Amino acid sequence: MEKRLIECVPNFSEGRDRAIIDAITDSIIAAGNVKLLDVDPGEATNRTVVTFVGEPEEVVNAAFAGIKKAAELIDMRQHHGAHPRMGATDVCPLIPVSGISLEECAELARGLAKKVADELGIPTYCYEAAAFVPERKNLAVCRAGEYEALPEKMNQPGKGPDFGDRPFDEAAARTGATTIGARDFLIAVNFNLNSTSTRRANAIAFDVREKGRPMREGGKLTGKPLKDKDGNPIMQPGTLKGTKAIGWYIDEYGIAQVSMNITDMNLAPLHVAFDEVTRAAAARGIRVTGTEIVGLVPKRALIEAGKYFLHKQQRSTGLPEHEIMRIAVKSMGLDELKPFNPEEKVIEYMLAAEEKGDKKLVDLTCKDFADETASESPAPGGGSISAYMGALAAALGTMVANLSSHKPGWDDRWKEFSDYAEQGRRSLDTLIALVDEDTAAFNRIMAAIGMPKSTEEEKAARANALEAATLYATEVPLHTMEAAFDVYPLLEAMATKGNPNSVSDAGVGALAADAAVHGAYLNVRINAAGLKDRDAALRLTSKAKEIAELSTARKDSIINIVNNIIDK
């Protein structure tokens, strides 16, 4: 299951006093299990942009702590800076990264806004996806008039904050108002051109950005700008919704670039933006030579790009993640100006690097995994081995699909086998996760056994924890059985339709899948025997028995197919 991650980018109205900035970021780190990605203070703006990421609940807790600390340390009556601002914490967006929707982030933002108003007394507006009324989707509308306009806006229908509205008082004078919302991840990207012309780079930017360019009389660049009845320029929209862009010249590189903010990855995925800028540049006799990602990028943006370019090449997309990532990097020239290291540019990889201290079984070499299993410790044991056998079954089926997708003479079938390979990758990823999950389930039982049992309350708590842990330890191998059984359709398809030179691999995969099912079945039975809830035990073991019996039949069927092909 994809890990739920959100990013938070609060802007605090202090960019000069490092002690205050550090106190705010320290409170963020202390309050939640989050990764602080960036702290960017600006002296002229007197504003600091902080970026951190983590699981949703942890991020919300950390954001609240940062807002609270800013309210304690920043007095808006003394604040002056070049950037528009309305409060000590001026704006605080929640941004979906993985495993969570924008709508879910909007609900979290509204809950945070209410908590900030209720517990801290800070007037709070909701903007972007969290806005309660359409006009407040625009941050500028919420912040109209900035801090100085709050006395007039508060307690006025249609102008006051969504939470904490009241007549302007001393508390509001000190903290100002905060705007909390949810928006999509913003990708900052520059497209490198084989040109030094800022004018031409701007022309390309105007061709593609959502806002487009002002329309002129006769459609000529030198024509008089056309205006509407209110005197505003009439714009000709560009070809990419969800984007903002300009052209500029970079002395450091000696080239012009189209600098773009992708504000909606769903409307303008990174690879679509790359292709569209490439098209617009070519129409003006210019070539895009590479791409520069500014800051961080969600993993899915590069995975989607890699799969897109693989599809254009009519190649299978059921490849390991790092190979898909490499295709994305090379296809868009992300490493043209400097090396592109996904470990430093992809949010999920940065977080994974932070967790390396907690070594997982799947991170071990094959030899180390075998040695760990052979040690005196009871875990990892048969459950983890069963899950790994299932993962190997899925890997073999995926391999046959990938080999079949580029078999000479089968070019018109590449998409068919690519789909099979993607199916195999999903199964493989599920089963790999279950390798460590089984050991985690065993550790939960051991932790419950080790709980104190001196008093009757402690005995009851220990018994409840042990029952819950045992139930979990029974369900995990059942999930392994289900996931391994789900590999059979892929293996049967590869035995009957795949590259005949690899049919034996499909057969070995079937044997591995059956071993995974029956191995996990033993774990279901032995753990279910320890359950006091006999109805739950019967339900789980009955389902497991049914899968085990069906597995034998599926395995035998595939092996017969394989033997018949080999014996021809």
Protein backbone atom coordinates (compact mmCIF):
# COMPACT_ATOMS: atom_id res chain seq x y z
CA MET A 1 0.00 0.00 0.00
CA GLU A 2 1.31 3.43 -0.94
CA LYS A 3 2.46 5.43 2.07
CA ARG A 4 0.32 8.46 2.90
CA LEU A 5 2.46 11.59 2.73
CA ILE A 6 1.68 15.29 2.65
CA GLU A 7 3.87 18.35 2.43
CA CYS A 8 3.35 21.57 4.36
CA VAL A 9 4.86 24.94 3.33
CA PRO A 10 4.01 27.54 5.99
CA ASN A 11 5.22 31.12 5.44
CA PHE A 12 6.14 32.93 8.66
CA SER A 13 6.39 36.72 8.91
CA GLU A 14 9.96 36.78 10.16
CA GLY A 15 13.01 36.60 7.92
CA ARG A 16 15.70 38.45 9.88
CA ASP A 17 15.85 37.13 13.44
CA ARG A 18 17.46 33.69 13.24
CA ALA A 19 16.64 32.91 16.87
CA ILE A 20 12.90 33.28 16.20
CA ILE A 21 13.13 31.27 12.97
CA ASP A 22 15.02 28.47 14.75
CA ALA A 23 12.52 28.43 17.61
CA ILE A 24 9.66 27.98 15.13
CA THR A 25 11.37 25.19 13.17
CA ASP A 26 12.45 23.49 16.41
CA SER A 27 8.82 23.43 17.54
CA ILE A 28 7.78 21.89 14.22
CA ILE A 29 10.36 19.12 14.50
CA ALA A 30 9.53 18.42 18.17
CA ALA A 31 5.76 18.20 17.63
CA GLY A 32 5.57 15.66 14.84
CA ASN A 33 7.49 12.86 13.17
CA VAL A 34 8.20 14.97 10.10
CA LYS A 35 11.18 15.61 7.83
CA LEU A 36 12.24 19.25 7.60
CA LEU A 37 13.20 19.73 3.96
CA ASP A 38 13.97 23.43 3.67
CA VAL A 39 14.11 26.71 5.62
CA ASP A 40 14.34 29.75 3.34
CA PRO A 41 14.49 33.14 5.11
CA GLY A 42 14.32 36.42 3.19
CA GLU A 43 15.63 39.62 4.72
CA ALA A 44 13.95 42.04 2.31
CA THR A 45 10.61 40.23 2.49
CA ASN A 46 11.03 39.65 6.25
CA ARG A 47 9.51 36.26 5.66
CA THR A 48 10.63 32.65 5.99
CA VAL A 49 9.28 29.77 3.92
CA VAL A 50 9.53 26.41 5.71
CA THR A 51 8.98 23.08 3.98
CA PHE A 52 8.39 19.79 5.78
CA VAL A 53 6.78 16.47 4.91
CA GLY A 54 5.42 13.40 6.69
CA GLU A 55 2.30 11.38 7.36
CA PRO A 56 -0.88 13.51 7.46
CA GLU A 57 -1.57 13.47 11.21
CA GLU A 58 2.07 14.18 12.05
CA VAL A 59 2.22 17.09 9.59
CA VAL A 60 -0.95 18.65 10.99
CA ASN A 61 0.43 18.41 14.54
CA ALA A 62 3.74 19.95 13.44
CA ALA A 63 1.98 22.75 11.55
CA PHE A 64 -0.11 23.61 14.60
CA ALA A 65 3.01 23.76 16.76
CA GLY A 66 4.74 26.06 14.27
CA ILE A 67 1.73 28.37 14.09
CA LYS A 68 1.52 28.46 17.89
CA LYS A 69 5.20 29.30 18.32
CA ALA A 70 5.01 32.01 15.62
CA ALA A 71 2.05 33.58 17.44
CA GLU A 72 4.09 33.68 20.64
CA LEU A 73 7.22 35.22 19.12
CA ILE A 74 6.05 37.47 16.25
CA ASP A 75 4.22 40.74 16.89
CA MET A 76 2.55 41.84 13.67
CA ARG A 77 2.26 45.41 14.97
CA GLN A 78 6.04 45.68 14.47
CA HIS A 79 6.28 43.80 11.16
CA HIS A 80 7.42 45.40 7.92
CA GLY A 81 8.59 43.67 4.75
CA ALA A 82 8.37 43.67 0.98
CA HIS A 83 6.09 40.63 0.69
CA PRO A 84 2.30 40.82 1.16
CA ARG A 85 1.37 39.44 4.60
CA MET A 86 -1.54 39.23 6.97
CA GLY A 87 -0.34 37.31 10.02
CA ALA A 88 2.52 35.84 12.01
CA THR A 89 1.87 32.66 10.10
CA ASP A 90 0.73 34.23 6.87
CA VAL A 91 -0.19 31.16 4.86
CA CYS A 92 -0.08 27.42 5.54
CA PRO A 93 -0.92 25.05 2.66
CA LEU A 94 -1.20 21.26 2.95
CA ILE A 95 -0.13 19.47 -0.23
CA PRO A 96 -0.78 15.82 -1.18
CA VAL A 97 2.38 13.91 -2.08
CA SER A 98 1.33 10.24 -2.13
CA GLY A 99 -1.49 7.99 -0.93
CA ILE A 100 -3.87 10.88 -0.18
CA SER A 101 -6.19 13.05 -2.26
CA LEU A 102 -6.42 16.82 -2.48
CA GLU A 103 -9.95 16.58 -1.06
CA GLU A 104 -8.64 14.74 2.01
CA CYS A 105 -5.98 17.43 2.47
CA ALA A 106 -8.71 20.07 2.26
CA GLU A 107 -10.58 18.44 5.13
CA LEU A 108 -7.39 18.28 7.18
CA ALA A 109 -6.77 21.98 6.43
CA ARG A 110 -10.24 22.95 7.59
CA GLY A 111 -9.77 20.96 10.79
CA LEU A 112 -6.42 22.64 11.39
CA ALA A 113 -7.92 26.07 10.72
CA LYS A 114 -10.68 25.48 13.27
CA LYS A 115 -8.19 24.23 15.86
CA VAL A 116 -5.93 27.25 15.34
CA ALA A 117 -8.88 29.59 15.85
CA ASP A 118 -10.40 27.69 18.79
CA GLU A 119 -7.23 26.97 20.76
CA LEU A 120 -4.94 29.83 19.77
CA GLY A 121 -7.51 32.55 19.12
CA ILE A 122 -6.04 33.34 15.71
CA PRO A 123 -8.52 34.48 13.01
CA THR A 124 -8.25 31.96 10.18
CA TYR A 125 -9.26 31.97 6.53
CA CYS A 126 -9.50 28.83 4.38
CA TYR A 127 -8.23 29.05 0.79
CA GLU A 128 -7.61 27.02 -2.39
CA ALA A 129 -9.20 23.54 -2.16
CA ALA A 130 -10.23 24.13 1.48
CA ALA A 131 -12.18 27.33 0.68
CA PHE A 132 -15.81 27.39 1.80
CA VAL A 133 -16.78 29.87 -0.94
CA PRO A 134 -15.41 29.97 -4.50
CA GLU A 135 -13.90 33.46 -4.33
CA ARG A 136 -11.70 32.46 -1.39
CA LYS A 137 -9.91 29.84 -3.45
CA ASN A 138 -7.70 32.77 -4.43
CA LEU A 139 -5.19 33.62 -1.70
CA ALA A 140 -5.15 37.25 -2.81
CA VAL A 141 -8.87 37.56 -2.02
CA CYS A 142 -8.37 36.23 1.52
CA ARG A 143 -5.36 38.51 2.06
CA ALA A 144 -6.85 41.63 0.44
CA GLY A 145 -5.63 44.76 2.20
CA GLU A 146 -3.11 42.66 4.16
CA TYR A 147 -2.66 43.03 7.91
CA GLU A 148 -3.66 46.70 7.89
CA ALA A 149 -7.15 45.87 6.57
CA LEU A 150 -8.03 43.40 9.34
CA PRO A 151 -9.75 45.94 11.65
CA GLU A 152 -12.18 46.73 8.84
CA LYS A 153 -12.62 43.15 7.56
CA MET A 154 -13.15 41.31 10.84
CA ASN A 155 -16.75 40.93 11.97
CA GLN A 156 -17.97 42.16 8.58
CA PRO A 157 -20.27 39.81 6.59
CA GLY A 158 -18.41 38.33 3.63
CA LYS A 159 -15.07 39.74 4.74
CA GLY A 160 -14.36 38.19 8.13
CA PRO A 161 -12.36 34.99 8.62
CA ASP A 162 -13.93 31.53 8.38
CA PHE A 163 -12.94 30.69 11.94
CA GLY A 164 -12.32 32.99 14.91
CA ASP A 165 -14.29 35.90 13.49
CA ARG A 166 -14.90 38.72 15.97
CA PRO A 167 -14.31 42.46 16.31
CA PHE A 168 -10.62 43.27 15.89
CA ASP A 169 -8.99 43.05 19.32
CA GLU A 170 -5.56 43.13 20.93
CA ALA A 171 -4.96 39.41 20.38
CA ALA A 172 -5.73 39.71 16.66
CA ALA A 173 -3.58 42.83 16.48
CA ARG A 174 -0.60 40.85 17.72
CA THR A 175 -1.01 37.63 15.67
CA GLY A 176 -2.81 38.98 12.62
CA ALA A 177 -4.79 36.40 10.64
CA THR A 178 -3.67 33.11 9.12
CA THR A 179 -4.74 31.54 5.84
CA ILE A 180 -4.79 27.73 5.80
CA GLY A 181 -5.63 25.61 2.78
CA ALA A 182 -4.82 22.72 0.50
CA ARG A 183 -3.34 22.84 -2.96
CA ASP A 184 -1.69 20.52 -5.40
CA PHE A 185 2.06 20.04 -5.37
CA LEU A 186 3.84 22.76 -7.30
CA ILE A 187 6.68 21.59 -9.53
CA ALA A 188 9.22 24.28 -10.37
CA VAL A 189 10.95 23.33 -13.60
CA ASN A 190 13.16 25.08 -16.16
CA PHE A 191 13.42 23.90 -19.76
CA ASN A 192 16.85 24.54 -21.29
CA LEU A 193 16.99 26.00 -24.80
CA ASN A 194 19.73 26.02 -27.43
CA SER A 195 19.31 29.78 -27.53
CA THR A 196 20.46 32.85 -25.64
CA SER A 197 17.38 34.90 -26.54
CA THR A 198 15.18 35.90 -23.62
CA ARG A 199 12.65 37.29 -26.08
CA ARG A 200 12.26 33.96 -27.83
CA ALA A 201 12.17 32.07 -24.53
CA ASN A 202 9.36 34.39 -23.42
CA ALA A 203 7.49 33.78 -26.67
CA ILE A 204 7.62 30.03 -26.05
CA ALA A 205 6.48 30.54 -22.46
CA PHE A 206 3.52 32.63 -23.64
CA ASP A 207 2.64 29.93 -26.19
CA VAL A 208 2.22 27.28 -23.52
CA ARG A 209 1.34 28.89 -20.17
CA GLU A 210 -2.32 28.86 -19.15
CA LYS A 211 -2.57 32.65 -19.06
CA GLY A 212 -1.19 32.89 -22.57
CA ARG A 213 -0.47 36.30 -24.11
CA PRO A 214 -2.40 39.52 -24.83
CA MET A 215 -4.29 39.42 -28.12
CA ARG A 216 -3.44 42.14 -30.65
CA GLU A 217 -5.19 43.70 -33.60
CA GLY A 218 -4.77 41.70 -36.78
CA GLY A 219 -3.08 38.91 -34.83
CA LYS A 220 0.28 40.68 -35.28
CA LEU A 221 2.92 41.01 -32.59
CA THR A 222 3.14 44.74 -33.30
CA GLY A 223 -0.62 45.24 -33.37
CA LYS A 224 -2.47 47.29 -30.80
CA PRO A 225 -3.42 45.25 -27.69
CA LEU A 226 -7.11 44.31 -27.59
CA LYS A 227 -9.06 45.15 -24.44
CA ASP A 228 -12.47 44.24 -23.06
CA LYS A 229 -15.20 46.70 -22.11
CA ASP A 230 -13.57 47.21 -18.69
CA GLY A 231 -10.22 48.08 -20.24
CA ASN A 232 -8.53 44.80 -19.32
CA PRO A 233 -6.28 43.07 -21.89
CA ILE A 234 -7.95 40.22 -23.78
CA MET A 235 -5.76 37.16 -23.41
CA GLN A 236 -5.18 34.32 -25.84
CA PRO A 237 -4.78 31.25 -23.56
CA GLY A 238 -1.76 29.01 -23.90
CA THR A 239 -1.89 25.27 -24.47
CA LEU A 240 -1.08 24.04 -20.94
CA LYS A 241 -3.64 24.48 -18.20
CA GLY A 242 -2.31 24.51 -14.64
CA THR A 243 0.95 26.23 -15.56
CA LYS A 244 2.67 29.59 -15.20
CA ALA A 245 5.77 30.40 -17.24
CA ILE A 246 8.21 33.08 -18.30
CA GLY A 247 11.42 33.15 -20.33
CA TRP A 248 14.79 34.25 -18.99
CA TYR A 249 18.54 34.09 -19.58
CA ILE A 250 20.81 32.37 -17.04
CA ASP A 251 24.35 33.74 -16.88
CA GLU A 252 25.57 30.69 -14.95
CA TYR A 253 24.69 28.36 -17.81
CA GLY A 254 24.92 30.77 -20.73
CA ILE A 255 21.50 29.73 -22.08
CA ALA A 256 17.90 30.90 -22.12
CA GLN A 257 15.27 28.87 -20.31
CA VAL A 258 11.51 28.60 -20.14
CA SER A 259 10.90 28.77 -16.40
CA MET A 260 7.64 27.09 -15.43
CA ASN A 261 5.58 26.45 -12.31
CA ILE A 262 3.29 23.45 -12.75
CA THR A 263 0.52 24.23 -10.31
CA ASP A 264 -1.66 21.23 -11.19
CA MET A 265 0.13 18.00 -12.05
CA ASN A 266 -3.17 16.39 -13.04
CA LEU A 267 -3.81 19.00 -15.74
CA ALA A 268 -0.17 19.30 -16.80
CA PRO A 269 1.98 16.27 -15.91
CA LEU A 270 5.71 16.95 -16.12
CA HIS A 271 6.18 14.86 -19.28
CA VAL A 272 3.26 16.58 -21.02
CA ALA A 273 4.77 19.98 -20.18
CA PHE A 274 8.13 18.82 -21.54
CA ASP A 275 6.59 17.65 -24.82
CA GLU A 276 4.54 20.81 -25.23
CA VAL A 277 7.47 23.16 -24.61
CA THR A 278 9.51 21.04 -27.02
CA ARG A 279 6.78 21.42 -29.67
CA ALA A 280 6.42 25.17 -29.16
CA ALA A 281 10.19 25.65 -29.24
CA ALA A 282 10.55 23.62 -32.44
CA ALA A 283 7.89 25.77 -34.08
CA ARG A 284 10.24 28.72 -33.49
CA GLY A 285 13.36 26.91 -34.68
CA ILE A 286 14.61 26.21 -31.16
CA ARG A 287 15.38 22.92 -29.45
CA VAL A 288 14.83 21.92 -25.80
CA THR A 289 18.15 20.41 -24.76
CA GLY A 290 17.30 19.41 -21.21
CA THR A 291 15.29 20.05 -18.08
CA GLU A 292 16.15 21.38 -14.63
CA ILE A 293 14.02 20.52 -11.60
CA VAL A 294 14.14 23.27 -8.98
CA GLY A 295 13.65 21.93 -5.47
CA LEU A 296 11.92 18.61 -4.90
CA VAL A 297 9.51 16.52 -6.92
CA PRO A 298 7.03 13.76 -5.98
CA LYS A 299 8.02 10.30 -7.15
CA ARG A 300 4.87 9.83 -9.19
CA ALA A 301 5.76 12.74 -11.49
CA LEU A 302 8.90 10.92 -12.66
CA ILE A 303 7.35 7.44 -12.67
CA GLU A 304 4.49 8.70 -14.84
CA ALA A 305 7.03 10.36 -17.14
CA GLY A 306 9.15 7.23 -17.39
CA LYS A 307 6.13 5.08 -18.26
CA TYR A 308 4.99 7.67 -20.81
CA PHE A 309 8.30 7.58 -22.67
CA LEU A 310 8.46 3.78 -22.46
CA HIS A 311 5.01 3.63 -24.04
CA LYS A 312 6.17 5.93 -26.83
CA GLN A 313 8.99 3.46 -27.47
CA GLN A 314 6.48 0.55 -27.34
CA ARG A 315 8.35 -0.96 -24.43
CA SER A 316 7.03 -2.68 -21.31
CA THR A 317 6.41 -0.51 -18.27
CA GLY A 318 6.48 -3.44 -15.86
CA LEU A 319 10.06 -2.62 -14.89
CA PRO A 320 11.70 -1.95 -11.52
CA GLU A 321 11.12 1.57 -10.27
CA HIS A 322 14.75 2.66 -10.63
CA GLU A 323 14.76 1.68 -14.31
CA ILE A 324 11.58 3.66 -15.01
CA MET A 325 13.12 6.60 -13.16
CA ARG A 326 16.28 6.38 -15.29
CA ILE A 327 14.20 6.50 -18.49
CA ALA A 328 12.49 9.67 -17.22
CA VAL A 329 15.82 11.32 -16.39
CA LYS A 330 17.34 10.52 -19.78
CA SER A 331 14.21 11.29 -21.81
CA MET A 332 13.84 14.80 -20.41
CA GLY A 333 17.55 15.53 -19.97
CA LEU A 334 17.25 16.09 -16.23
CA ASP A 335 20.99 15.54 -15.90
CA GLU A 336 22.10 17.95 -18.65
CA LEU A 337 23.28 20.82 -16.42
CA LYS A 338 24.26 18.83 -13.34
CA PRO A 339 23.94 15.25 -12.10
CA PHE A 340 20.37 14.31 -11.17
CA ASN A 341 20.32 12.17 -8.04
CA PRO A 342 16.80 10.90 -7.25
CA GLU A 343 17.85 10.30 -3.65
CA GLU A 344 18.26 14.08 -3.28
CA LYS A 345 15.43 15.30 -5.53
CA VAL A 346 12.52 12.90 -4.93
CA ILE A 347 10.56 13.49 -1.73
CA GLU A 348 9.78 9.84 -1.02
CA TYR A 349 13.40 8.80 -1.50
CA MET A 350 14.60 11.51 0.88
CA LEU A 351 12.24 10.20 3.55
CA ALA A 352 13.29 6.61 2.91
CA ALA A 353 16.92 7.62 3.40
CA GLU A 354 15.98 8.96 6.84
CA GLU A 355 14.62 5.53 7.78
CA LYS A 356 17.66 3.53 6.67
CA GLY A 357 18.72 3.00 10.28
CA ASP A 358 15.77 0.62 10.71
CA LYS A 359 17.09 -2.13 8.44
CA LYS A 360 14.45 -4.22 6.70
CA LEU A 361 14.76 -7.84 5.65
CA VAL A 362 14.13 -6.90 2.03
CA ASP A 363 17.13 -4.58 2.14
CA LEU A 364 19.47 -7.49 2.91
CA THR A 365 21.44 -9.41 0.28
CA CYS A 366 20.20 -12.91 -0.53
CA LYS A 367 23.05 -14.37 1.50
CA ASP A 368 22.44 -12.07 4.47
CA PHE A 369 18.72 -12.87 4.38
CA ALA A 370 19.53 -16.60 4.42
CA ASP A 371 22.03 -16.13 7.25
CA GLU A 372 19.52 -14.06 9.24
CA THR A 373 16.93 -16.78 8.80
CA ALA A 374 19.44 -19.46 9.86
CA SER A 375 20.36 -17.62 13.07
CA GLU A 376 19.12 -18.53 16.56
CA SER A 377 16.39 -15.87 16.39
CA PRO A 378 12.87 -17.24 15.66
CA ALA A 379 12.25 -14.39 13.21
CA PRO A 380 12.38 -14.17 10.27
CA GLY A 381 10.74 -17.53 9.88
CA GLY A 382 8.40 -19.45 7.64
CA GLY A 383 5.98 -16.56 7.18
CA SER A 384 8.60 -14.20 5.79
CA ILE A 385 10.08 -16.97 3.64
CA SER A 386 6.62 -17.77 2.26
CA ALA A 387 6.04 -14.13 1.33
CA TYR A 388 9.44 -14.00 -0.36
CA MET A 389 8.66 -17.19 -2.30
CA GLY A 390 5.48 -15.49 -3.52
CA ALA A 391 7.48 -12.41 -4.51
CA LEU A 392 9.85 -14.60 -6.52
CA ALA A 393 6.86 -16.22 -8.24
CA ALA A 394 5.59 -12.78 -9.25
CA ALA A 395 9.09 -11.77 -10.34
CA LEU A 396 9.36 -14.78 -12.66
CA GLY A 397 5.99 -14.07 -14.24
CA THR A 398 6.96 -10.42 -14.70
CA MET A 399 10.26 -11.43 -16.28
CA VAL A 400 8.53 -13.63 -18.85
CA ALA A 401 6.10 -10.79 -19.65
CA ASN A 402 8.96 -8.32 -20.16
CA LEU A 403 10.89 -10.75 -22.35
CA SER A 404 7.76 -11.44 -24.39
CA SER A 405 7.04 -7.71 -24.86
CA HIS A 406 10.12 -7.29 -27.08
CA LYS A 407 10.36 -10.75 -28.64
CA PRO A 408 11.25 -10.39 -32.36
CA GLY A 409 8.11 -10.73 -34.47
CA TRP A 410 5.79 -9.91 -31.57
CA ASP A 411 6.09 -6.13 -31.85
CA ASP A 412 2.34 -5.62 -32.14
CA ARG A 413 1.81 -7.39 -28.79
CA TRP A 414 4.06 -5.17 -26.66
CA LYS A 415 1.12 -3.47 -24.87
CA GLU A 416 -0.48 -6.82 -24.01
CA PHE A 417 2.67 -8.04 -22.29
CA SER A 418 3.40 -4.64 -20.75
CA ASP A 419 0.03 -4.84 -19.00
CA TYR A 420 0.88 -8.31 -17.72
CA ALA A 421 4.25 -7.06 -16.48
CA GLU A 422 2.61 -4.18 -14.59
CA GLN A 423 0.23 -6.68 -13.00
CA GLY A 424 3.24 -8.72 -11.91
CA ARG A 425 5.00 -5.66 -10.46
CA ARG A 426 1.95 -4.89 -8.31
CA SER A 427 1.90 -8.42 -6.94
CA LEU A 428 5.65 -8.39 -6.39
CA ASP A 429 5.50 -5.12 -4.44
CA THR A 430 2.64 -6.42 -2.26
CA LEU A 431 4.47 -9.63 -1.40
CA ILE A 432 7.79 -7.89 -0.77
CA ALA A 433 6.04 -5.69 1.81
CA LEU A 434 4.61 -8.81 3.48
CA VAL A 435 8.13 -10.21 4.02
CA ASP A 436 8.77 -7.65 6.74
CA GLU A 437 5.13 -7.46 7.78
CA ASP A 438 5.21 -11.08 8.92
CA THR A 439 8.23 -10.45 11.13
CA ALA A 440 6.55 -7.30 12.49
CA ALA A 441 3.51 -9.43 13.40
CA PHE A 442 5.72 -11.86 15.33
CA ASN A 443 7.38 -8.95 17.15
CA ARG A 444 3.95 -7.66 18.21
CA ILE A 445 3.23 -10.99 19.87
CA MET A 446 6.56 -10.92 21.68
CA ALA A 447 5.91 -7.35 22.85
CA ALA A 448 2.50 -8.38 24.23
CA ILE A 449 4.02 -11.37 26.03
CA GLY A 450 6.55 -9.03 27.64
CA MET A 451 3.91 -6.68 29.08
CA PRO A 452 3.66 -6.46 32.89
CA LYS A 453 1.12 -8.74 34.59
CA SER A 454 1.31 -7.95 38.29
CA THR A 455 -2.16 -6.44 38.77
CA GLU A 456 -5.52 -7.56 37.45
CA GLU A 457 -5.65 -4.50 35.20
CA GLU A 458 -2.22 -5.30 33.79
CA LYS A 459 -3.21 -8.92 33.23
CA ALA A 460 -6.34 -7.84 31.35
CA ALA A 461 -4.41 -5.34 29.23
CA ARG A 462 -1.78 -7.97 28.46
CA ALA A 463 -4.43 -10.54 27.48
CA ASN A 464 -6.17 -8.06 25.18
CA ALA A 465 -2.89 -7.03 23.55
CA LEU A 466 -1.88 -10.66 23.07
CA GLU A 467 -5.21 -11.55 21.48
CA ALA A 468 -5.00 -8.56 19.10
CA ALA A 469 -1.40 -9.39 18.18
CA THR A 470 -2.26 -13.05 17.59
CA LEU A 471 -5.20 -12.09 15.38
CA TYR A 472 -2.89 -9.81 13.38
CA ALA A 473 -0.26 -12.56 13.13
CA THR A 474 -2.96 -14.84 11.70
CA GLU A 475 -4.25 -12.28 9.20
CA VAL A 476 -0.81 -11.40 7.77
CA PRO A 477 -0.02 -14.91 6.40
CA LEU A 478 -3.59 -15.08 5.10
CA HIS A 479 -2.84 -11.90 3.13
CA THR A 480 0.31 -13.63 1.86
CA MET A 481 -1.78 -16.58 0.69
CA GLU A 482 -4.20 -14.28 -1.14
CA ALA A 483 -1.42 -12.24 -2.76
CA ALA A 484 0.53 -15.35 -3.86
CA PHE A 485 -2.63 -16.96 -5.24
CA ASP A 486 -3.30 -13.79 -7.25
CA VAL A 487 -0.06 -14.45 -9.19
CA TYR A 488 -1.49 -17.57 -10.89
CA PRO A 489 -3.40 -15.76 -13.67
CA LEU A 490 -0.16 -14.05 -14.72
CA LEU A 491 1.82 -17.30 -14.61
CA GLU A 492 -0.84 -19.20 -16.56
CA ALA A 493 -0.96 -16.45 -19.20
CA MET A 494 2.82 -16.52 -19.52
CA ALA A 495 2.81 -20.32 -19.81
CA THR A 496 0.19 -20.26 -22.57
CA LYS A 497 0.88 -16.94 -24.35
CA GLY A 498 4.37 -15.88 -23.36
CA ASN A 499 7.74 -16.45 -24.97
CA PRO A 500 7.95 -20.25 -25.29
CA ASN A 501 11.68 -20.12 -24.60
CA SER A 502 10.82 -18.97 -21.06
CA VAL A 503 7.96 -21.37 -20.34
CA SER A 504 10.03 -23.21 -17.71
CA ASP A 505 10.30 -19.93 -15.77
CA ALA A 506 6.52 -19.72 -15.63
CA GLY A 507 6.52 -23.29 -14.30
CA VAL A 508 9.04 -22.49 -11.58
CA GLY A 509 6.90 -19.46 -10.72
CA ALA A 510 3.87 -21.74 -10.25
CA LEU A 511 5.85 -24.02 -7.94
CA ALA A 512 7.05 -20.98 -5.95
CA ALA A 513 3.52 -19.57 -5.71
CA ASP A 514 2.17 -22.87 -4.41
CA ALA A 515 5.01 -23.10 -1.87
CA ALA A 516 4.17 -19.57 -0.74
CA VAL A 517 0.48 -20.40 -0.33
CA HIS A 518 1.02 -23.64 1.57
CA GLY A 519 3.86 -22.22 3.67
CA ALA A 520 1.71 -19.27 4.74
CA TYR A 521 -1.18 -21.70 5.36
CA LEU A 522 0.89 -23.41 8.05
CA ASN A 523 1.40 -20.04 9.72
CA VAL A 524 -2.32 -19.23 9.61
CA ARG A 525 -3.13 -22.52 11.31
CA ILE A 526 -0.50 -22.33 14.04
CA ASN A 527 -1.29 -18.72 14.92
CA ALA A 528 -5.07 -19.25 14.79
CA ALA A 529 -4.66 -22.01 17.34
CA GLY A 530 -3.65 -19.37 19.88
CA LEU A 531 -6.78 -17.26 19.40
CA LYS A 532 -9.34 -17.23 22.19
CA ASP A 533 -11.95 -16.01 19.71
CA ARG A 534 -12.73 -19.39 18.17
CA ASP A 535 -15.22 -17.94 15.66
CA ALA A 536 -12.48 -15.72 14.23
CA ALA A 537 -10.05 -18.64 14.22
CA LEU A 538 -12.51 -20.85 12.31
CA ARG A 539 -13.29 -18.07 9.83
CA LEU A 540 -9.62 -17.44 9.04
CA THR A 541 -8.54 -21.10 8.86
CA SER A 542 -11.54 -22.04 6.68
CA LYS A 543 -10.70 -19.33 4.19
CA ALA A 544 -7.03 -20.30 4.23
CA LYS A 545 -7.87 -24.00 3.66
CA GLU A 546 -9.99 -23.09 0.63
CA ILE A 547 -7.14 -21.05 -0.91
CA ALA A 548 -4.62 -23.84 -0.24
CA GLU A 549 -6.80 -26.43 -1.97
CA LEU A 550 -7.41 -24.17 -4.97
CA SER A 551 -3.68 -23.40 -5.14
CA THR A 552 -2.74 -27.04 -5.63
CA ALA A 553 -5.14 -27.33 -8.56
CA ARG A 554 -3.88 -24.11 -10.18
CA LYS A 555 -0.25 -25.13 -9.76
CA ASP A 556 -0.88 -28.60 -11.25
CA SER A 557 -2.70 -27.08 -14.23
CA ILE A 558 0.16 -24.71 -15.04
CA ILE A 559 2.80 -27.40 -14.61
CA ASN A 560 0.89 -29.63 -17.05
CA ILE A 561 0.84 -26.81 -19.60
CA VAL A 562 4.57 -26.25 -19.14
CA ASN A 563 5.41 -29.95 -19.45
CA ASN A 564 3.34 -30.30 -22.62
CA ILE A 565 5.15 -27.38 -24.26
CA ILE A 566 8.59 -28.64 -23.20
CA ASP A 567 7.81 -32.19 -24.41
CA LYS A 568 6.68 -31.08 -27.88
